[in-house]
């Protein structure tokens, strides 16, 4: 039996959220690779190789666990992972049309609410949770988190407008297309939580075989590989369309060699780094989730999403990304961070009362 520890649970969620907030930073150092090549390579690490390595390293008697695992749960988790992969692709495309901030606020905010509340609703437990000690703080924290994410998204859009005004504008903005894509991304990203929920009986089998706090790592074998299939198919389609597959072997975008393999090796290294950071967020997510206890464990998804947005925006402020913006824009960003901090406190206090 895993002993609950609220302090450890929140700390592990914070560690995972910090990794998630930085997971795509290495992408800006990629040279002479098309987007689809980078996406394919990093996806191979975060959604295929690391889940296999993590399960082999932390799940005792993995072969026996898989032999005992219900096939229908394996398939359900995998198919939900496929849907999550579609959401990830829609997220990246949405950024192209409405920018990072609006996409993040809509997609992550929607994912936070749906991924937190729908699983207990489907299980018929939501009504029973409302009257429990601390429930008002937990649900209030979920609502405050969604509001804080929305305020951060508004601040981000104001920042983009401020910077566009000084740079002559941005030519590919399309609100309707971007909104539809970000809504799709938010709904399908929430499905990842359902994929882990579907694999929960398999994690319980892993716990009986001695996996302990690492039991959730077996779930990623199904949910993440489903997402990898989506990423692989989409990347391959783009690579064939754009004739960019030779870049995997060192032929630079536009033709020619990559300069003795130095650029190629660096690209693979940064893709590995990206995939490692992405997998790391859910490695710590699992550790945080199992430490929250059974009462309000469903709030793990909201805590993770809120901390993710909190850290990503706080880091942007710390490195000076907002210094060229108007005071009103900076004020909106700080207001969003304050609301997110309040949401984390509310969720933590609610879990404490419930525990």
Protein backbone atom coordinates (compact mmCIF):
# COMPACT_ATOMS: atom_id res chain seq x y z
CA UNK A 1 0.00 0.00 0.00
CA UNK A 2 1.40 3.40 -1.00
CA UNK A 3 1.33 5.90 1.89
CA UNK A 4 -0.23 9.24 0.89
CA UNK A 5 1.95 12.34 1.27
CA UNK A 6 0.49 15.65 0.12
CA UNK A 7 3.85 17.43 0.30
CA UNK A 8 5.57 14.81 -1.85
CA UNK A 9 2.64 14.65 -4.25
CA UNK A 10 2.62 18.40 -4.93
CA UNK A 11 6.43 18.47 -5.15
CA UNK A 12 6.50 15.71 -7.75
CA UNK A 13 3.74 17.43 -9.73
CA UNK A 14 5.75 20.66 -9.59
CA UNK A 15 8.87 18.88 -10.88
CA UNK A 16 6.90 17.38 -13.77
CA UNK A 17 5.27 20.71 -14.60
CA UNK A 18 8.65 22.44 -14.65
CA UNK A 19 9.96 19.90 -17.16
CA UNK A 20 6.81 20.31 -19.24
CA UNK A 21 7.13 24.10 -19.23
CA UNK A 22 10.56 23.79 -20.84
CA UNK A 23 10.15 20.68 -22.98
CA UNK A 24 10.01 22.42 -26.35
CA UNK A 25 12.72 25.02 -25.66
CA UNK A 26 15.41 22.87 -27.37
CA UNK A 27 13.43 23.07 -30.64
CA UNK A 28 14.77 26.56 -31.36
CA UNK A 29 18.30 25.15 -31.64
CA UNK A 30 17.39 22.74 -34.44
CA UNK A 31 19.13 23.59 -37.73
CA UNK A 32 18.50 22.28 -41.27
CA UNK A 33 15.70 19.96 -40.20
CA UNK A 34 12.11 20.39 -41.27
CA UNK A 35 9.52 20.48 -38.51
CA UNK A 36 8.22 17.00 -39.34
CA UNK A 37 11.67 15.42 -39.00
CA UNK A 38 12.23 16.98 -35.60
CA UNK A 39 8.71 16.00 -34.49
CA UNK A 40 9.23 12.41 -35.61
CA UNK A 41 12.54 11.97 -33.78
CA UNK A 42 11.52 13.61 -30.51
CA UNK A 43 8.22 11.67 -30.57
CA UNK A 44 10.15 8.42 -30.89
CA UNK A 45 11.85 9.24 -27.57
CA UNK A 46 8.99 10.70 -25.54
CA UNK A 47 6.20 8.41 -26.72
CA UNK A 48 7.97 5.15 -27.56
CA UNK A 49 11.53 4.61 -26.32
CA UNK A 50 11.43 6.26 -22.88
CA UNK A 51 8.12 4.59 -21.88
CA UNK A 52 9.64 1.20 -22.76
CA UNK A 53 12.89 2.00 -20.93
CA UNK A 54 10.98 3.36 -17.92
CA UNK A 55 8.75 0.30 -17.68
CA UNK A 56 11.68 -2.12 -18.01
CA UNK A 57 13.62 -0.25 -15.31
CA UNK A 58 10.83 0.14 -12.74
CA UNK A 59 8.23 -2.62 -13.21
CA UNK A 60 9.30 -5.99 -11.73
CA UNK A 61 8.20 -9.06 -13.70
CA UNK A 62 6.99 -6.85 -16.54
CA UNK A 63 6.36 -9.81 -18.84
CA UNK A 64 4.09 -11.43 -16.28
CA UNK A 65 2.28 -8.14 -15.65
CA UNK A 66 1.55 -7.79 -19.36
CA UNK A 67 0.43 -11.42 -19.56
CA UNK A 68 -2.12 -10.83 -16.78
CA UNK A 69 -3.25 -7.43 -18.06
CA UNK A 70 -6.80 -7.22 -19.50
CA UNK A 71 -6.56 -6.92 -23.29
CA UNK A 72 -9.55 -4.61 -23.50
CA UNK A 73 -7.86 -2.13 -21.12
CA UNK A 74 -4.66 -2.24 -23.17
CA UNK A 75 -6.58 -1.49 -26.35
CA UNK A 76 -8.72 1.25 -24.77
CA UNK A 77 -5.66 3.04 -23.39
CA UNK A 78 -3.85 2.73 -26.73
CA UNK A 79 -6.78 4.11 -28.74
CA UNK A 80 -7.21 7.01 -26.35
CA UNK A 81 -3.51 7.69 -26.77
CA UNK A 82 -4.07 7.83 -30.52
CA UNK A 83 -6.74 10.50 -29.94
CA UNK A 84 -4.38 12.40 -27.64
CA UNK A 85 -1.79 12.38 -30.42
CA UNK A 86 -4.32 14.04 -32.75
CA UNK A 87 -4.84 16.68 -30.06
CA UNK A 88 -1.10 17.32 -29.84
CA UNK A 89 -0.93 17.85 -33.60
CA UNK A 90 -3.92 20.21 -33.49
CA UNK A 91 -2.18 22.13 -30.69
CA UNK A 92 0.91 22.74 -32.80
CA UNK A 93 -1.14 23.78 -35.82
CA UNK A 94 -3.24 26.13 -33.68
CA UNK A 95 -0.10 27.99 -32.58
CA UNK A 96 0.55 28.76 -36.23
CA UNK A 97 -2.79 30.60 -36.56
CA UNK A 98 -3.48 32.28 -33.21
CA UNK A 99 -0.14 32.17 -31.41
CA UNK A 100 1.20 30.27 -28.43
CA UNK A 101 -0.59 32.20 -25.67
CA UNK A 102 -4.14 31.90 -26.95
CA UNK A 103 -3.63 28.26 -27.91
CA UNK A 104 -2.21 27.47 -24.49
CA UNK A 105 -5.01 29.21 -22.58
CA UNK A 106 -7.82 27.57 -24.57
CA UNK A 107 -6.37 24.09 -25.06
CA UNK A 108 -4.73 23.66 -21.65
CA UNK A 109 -7.59 25.35 -19.81
CA UNK A 110 -10.16 23.08 -21.45
CA UNK A 111 -7.96 20.03 -20.94
CA UNK A 112 -7.52 20.91 -17.27
CA UNK A 113 -11.28 21.07 -16.60
CA UNK A 114 -12.34 18.11 -18.75
CA UNK A 115 -9.44 15.86 -17.75
CA UNK A 116 -10.18 16.49 -14.08
CA UNK A 117 -13.97 16.36 -13.88
CA UNK A 118 -15.05 13.94 -16.60
CA UNK A 119 -13.39 10.74 -15.20
CA UNK A 120 -15.23 10.91 -11.82
CA UNK A 121 -18.39 11.97 -13.69
CA UNK A 122 -18.19 8.90 -15.94
CA UNK A 123 -17.61 6.68 -12.90
CA UNK A 124 -20.68 8.20 -11.22
CA UNK A 125 -18.59 9.55 -8.32
CA UNK A 126 -18.79 13.30 -8.93
CA UNK A 127 -21.99 13.90 -6.94
CA UNK A 128 -20.67 11.91 -3.99
CA UNK A 129 -17.44 13.92 -3.96
CA UNK A 130 -19.21 17.25 -3.56
CA UNK A 131 -20.19 16.72 0.08
CA UNK A 132 -16.80 15.48 1.28
CA UNK A 133 -14.44 17.56 3.46
CA UNK A 134 -12.43 20.00 1.36
CA UNK A 135 -14.44 19.40 -1.81
CA UNK A 136 -15.39 23.06 -2.16
CA UNK A 137 -11.68 23.99 -2.12
CA UNK A 138 -10.78 21.36 -4.71
CA UNK A 139 -13.55 22.28 -7.15
CA UNK A 140 -12.94 25.97 -6.47
CA UNK A 141 -9.26 25.41 -7.26
CA UNK A 142 -10.14 23.75 -10.56
CA UNK A 143 -12.35 26.73 -11.49
CA UNK A 144 -9.71 29.24 -10.36
CA UNK A 145 -7.08 27.40 -12.36
CA UNK A 146 -9.18 27.60 -15.52
CA UNK A 147 -9.75 31.32 -14.88
CA UNK A 148 -6.04 31.91 -14.28
CA UNK A 149 -5.12 30.09 -17.48
CA UNK A 150 -7.65 32.26 -19.35
CA UNK A 151 -6.17 35.46 -17.89
CA UNK A 152 -2.64 34.31 -18.82
CA UNK A 153 -3.91 33.59 -22.33
CA UNK A 154 -5.42 37.08 -22.59
CA UNK A 155 -2.16 38.59 -21.34
CA UNK A 156 -0.25 36.55 -23.89
CA UNK A 157 -2.45 37.76 -26.70
CA UNK A 158 -1.93 41.36 -25.54
CA UNK A 159 1.81 40.71 -25.52
CA UNK A 160 1.69 39.36 -29.06
CA UNK A 161 -0.21 42.47 -30.18
CA UNK A 162 2.32 44.74 -28.49
CA UNK A 163 5.23 42.98 -30.17
CA UNK A 164 3.44 42.79 -33.54
CA UNK A 165 2.88 46.54 -33.44
CA UNK A 166 6.62 47.06 -33.22
CA UNK A 167 7.51 44.41 -35.79
CA UNK A 168 4.99 45.23 -38.49
CA UNK A 169 2.40 42.55 -37.73
CA UNK A 170 2.10 38.81 -38.33
CA UNK A 171 0.72 37.56 -41.60
CA UNK A 172 -0.86 34.20 -40.85
CA UNK A 173 -3.29 35.04 -38.06
CA UNK A 174 -6.67 33.31 -38.46
CA UNK A 175 -8.90 33.44 -35.38
CA UNK A 176 -11.58 31.02 -36.60
CA UNK A 177 -9.16 28.30 -37.72
CA UNK A 178 -7.01 28.71 -34.64
CA UNK A 179 -9.96 28.57 -32.24
CA UNK A 180 -11.35 25.41 -33.83
CA UNK A 181 -7.94 23.73 -33.67
CA UNK A 182 -7.30 24.80 -30.07
CA UNK A 183 -10.75 23.56 -28.98
CA UNK A 184 -10.03 20.23 -30.66
CA UNK A 185 -6.63 20.14 -28.96
CA UNK A 186 -8.17 20.86 -25.55
CA UNK A 187 -10.78 18.12 -25.82
CA UNK A 188 -8.40 15.47 -27.18
CA UNK A 189 -5.56 16.40 -24.82
CA UNK A 190 -7.90 15.67 -21.92
CA UNK A 191 -8.28 12.17 -23.35
CA UNK A 192 -4.75 11.41 -22.13
CA UNK A 193 -6.06 11.40 -18.58
CA UNK A 194 -8.73 8.93 -19.69
CA UNK A 195 -6.03 6.77 -21.29
CA UNK A 196 -4.24 6.53 -17.94
CA UNK A 197 -7.58 5.86 -16.25
CA UNK A 198 -8.26 2.99 -18.65
CA UNK A 199 -4.87 1.48 -17.83
CA UNK A 200 -5.35 1.79 -14.04
CA UNK A 201 -6.21 -1.95 -13.59
CA UNK A 202 -2.92 -2.80 -15.32
CA UNK A 203 -1.08 -0.48 -12.92
CA UNK A 204 -2.76 -2.30 -10.02
CA UNK A 205 -1.43 -5.60 -11.37
CA UNK A 206 2.04 -4.04 -11.55
CA UNK A 207 1.69 -2.96 -7.91
CA UNK A 208 0.88 -6.53 -6.88
CA UNK A 209 4.10 -7.62 -8.58
CA UNK A 210 6.12 -5.17 -6.51
CA UNK A 211 6.15 -1.98 -8.62
CA UNK A 212 5.05 0.18 -5.67
CA UNK A 213 5.09 3.91 -6.45
CA UNK A 214 6.35 3.18 -9.98
CA UNK A 215 3.23 1.25 -10.96
CA UNK A 216 1.91 4.00 -13.26
CA UNK A 217 4.90 3.62 -15.59
CA UNK A 218 3.31 0.53 -17.11
CA UNK A 219 0.35 2.66 -18.29
CA UNK A 220 2.62 4.70 -20.56
CA UNK A 221 3.35 1.59 -22.61
CA UNK A 222 -0.16 1.87 -24.05
CA UNK A 223 -1.19 5.54 -23.82
CA UNK A 224 2.12 6.90 -25.16
CA UNK A 225 2.55 4.40 -27.96
CA UNK A 226 -0.89 5.36 -29.22
CA UNK A 227 0.23 8.99 -29.34
CA UNK A 228 3.44 7.93 -31.09
CA UNK A 229 1.47 6.20 -33.85
CA UNK A 230 -0.40 9.44 -34.59
CA UNK A 231 2.80 11.51 -34.54
CA UNK A 232 4.62 9.00 -36.76
CA UNK A 233 1.87 8.82 -39.39
CA UNK A 234 1.46 12.59 -39.57
CA UNK A 235 5.22 13.20 -39.69
CA UNK A 236 5.73 10.58 -42.38
CA UNK A 237 2.93 12.06 -44.47
CA UNK A 238 4.51 15.50 -44.25
CA UNK A 239 7.99 14.12 -44.89
CA UNK A 240 6.86 12.30 -48.04
CA UNK A 241 4.92 15.34 -49.19
CA UNK A 242 7.86 17.70 -48.58
CA UNK A 243 10.55 15.15 -49.58
CA UNK A 244 12.35 15.75 -46.31
CA UNK A 245 13.09 12.16 -45.22
CA UNK A 246 16.76 12.39 -46.40
CA UNK A 247 17.32 14.92 -43.61
CA UNK A 248 17.36 11.99 -41.17
CA UNK A 249 20.69 10.97 -42.70
CA UNK A 250 22.26 14.41 -42.88
CA UNK A 251 20.99 15.99 -46.09
CA UNK A 252 20.12 19.55 -45.09
CA UNK A 253 16.82 21.23 -45.88
CA UNK A 254 17.29 22.77 -49.32
CA UNK A 255 19.92 20.21 -50.34
CA UNK A 256 23.58 19.67 -49.53
CA UNK A 257 25.38 17.98 -46.68
CA UNK A 258 25.05 19.27 -43.14
CA UNK A 259 28.66 20.23 -42.54
CA UNK A 260 30.43 17.02 -41.57
CA UNK A 261 27.66 15.59 -39.42
CA UNK A 262 28.03 18.17 -36.63
CA UNK A 263 24.61 19.72 -37.23
CA UNK A 264 22.99 16.30 -37.63
CA UNK A 265 24.41 15.06 -34.35
CA UNK A 266 23.32 18.23 -32.57
CA UNK A 267 19.81 17.91 -33.98
CA UNK A 268 19.50 14.35 -32.73
CA UNK A 269 20.83 15.45 -29.34
CA UNK A 270 18.29 18.27 -28.98
CA UNK A 271 15.47 16.00 -30.17
CA UNK A 272 16.53 13.49 -27.51
CA UNK A 273 16.59 16.30 -24.94
CA UNK A 274 13.09 17.42 -25.94
CA UNK A 275 11.68 13.89 -25.75
CA UNK A 276 13.36 13.31 -22.38
CA UNK A 277 11.89 16.47 -20.88
CA UNK A 278 8.44 15.57 -22.20
CA UNK A 279 8.58 12.03 -20.81
CA UNK A 280 10.02 13.36 -17.56
CA UNK A 281 6.91 15.43 -16.88
CA UNK A 282 4.71 12.33 -16.77
CA UNK A 283 7.35 10.28 -14.98
CA UNK A 284 6.96 12.76 -12.12
CA UNK A 285 3.20 13.07 -12.73
CA UNK A 286 2.82 9.40 -11.83
CA UNK A 287 4.88 9.84 -8.64
CA UNK A 288 2.76 12.81 -7.62
CA UNK A 289 -0.52 11.13 -8.48
CA UNK A 290 0.04 8.04 -6.33
CA UNK A 291 1.05 10.22 -3.35
CA UNK A 292 -2.15 12.31 -3.27
CA UNK A 293 -4.26 9.52 -1.83
CA UNK A 294 -7.58 8.18 -3.03
CA UNK A 295 -9.93 10.96 -1.84
CA UNK A 296 -9.11 13.64 -4.45
CA UNK A 297 -6.61 11.85 -6.67
CA UNK A 298 -8.68 12.96 -9.67
CA UNK A 299 -7.38 16.52 -9.06
CA UNK A 300 -3.87 15.46 -10.15
CA UNK A 301 -4.57 16.48 -13.75
CA UNK A 302 -5.71 19.98 -12.74
CA UNK A 303 -2.71 20.46 -10.44
CA UNK A 304 -0.32 19.40 -13.18
CA UNK A 305 -1.91 21.61 -15.86
CA UNK A 306 -2.13 24.67 -13.59
CA UNK A 307 1.49 24.35 -12.44
CA UNK A 308 2.56 23.88 -16.05
CA UNK A 309 1.00 27.20 -17.12
CA UNK A 310 2.19 28.91 -13.93
CA UNK A 311 5.81 27.91 -14.44
CA UNK A 312 5.88 28.59 -18.18
CA UNK A 313 4.52 32.12 -17.71
CA UNK A 314 6.65 32.83 -14.63
CA UNK A 315 9.79 31.81 -16.52
CA UNK A 316 8.81 34.06 -19.42
CA UNK A 317 8.51 37.00 -17.01
CA UNK A 318 11.83 36.17 -15.32
CA UNK A 319 13.80 36.03 -18.59
CA UNK A 320 12.39 39.37 -19.74
CA UNK A 321 9.97 38.31 -22.46
CA UNK A 322 7.44 40.89 -21.21
CA UNK A 323 9.77 43.87 -20.73
CA UNK A 324 8.91 45.42 -24.12
CA UNK A 325 5.16 45.28 -23.43
CA UNK A 326 2.84 47.97 -22.13
CA UNK A 327 2.29 48.23 -18.34
CA UNK A 328 -1.32 47.04 -18.78
CA UNK A 329 -0.08 43.88 -20.52
CA UNK A 330 2.45 43.16 -17.80
CA UNK A 331 -0.23 43.78 -15.20
CA UNK A 332 -2.50 41.22 -16.86
CA UNK A 333 0.31 38.67 -16.82
CA UNK A 334 0.98 39.21 -13.12
CA UNK A 335 -2.76 38.98 -12.39
CA UNK A 336 -2.92 35.64 -14.19
CA UNK A 337 0.05 34.32 -12.20
CA UNK A 338 -1.58 35.46 -8.94
CA UNK A 339 -4.81 33.61 -9.79
CA UNK A 340 -2.86 30.47 -10.70
CA UNK A 341 -0.97 30.61 -7.39
CA UNK A 342 -4.28 30.94 -5.56
CA UNK A 343 -5.64 27.92 -7.48
CA UNK A 344 -2.67 25.77 -6.42
CA UNK A 345 -3.16 26.82 -2.78
CA UNK A 346 -6.88 26.01 -2.94
CA UNK A 347 -6.26 22.59 -4.47
CA UNK A 348 -3.55 21.80 -1.94
CA UNK A 349 -5.70 22.89 1.01
CA UNK A 350 -8.69 20.93 -0.29
CA UNK A 351 -6.56 17.78 -0.64
CA UNK A 352 -5.25 18.35 2.91
CA UNK A 353 -8.76 18.56 4.34
CA UNK A 354 -9.81 15.49 2.37
CA UNK A 355 -6.74 13.50 3.37
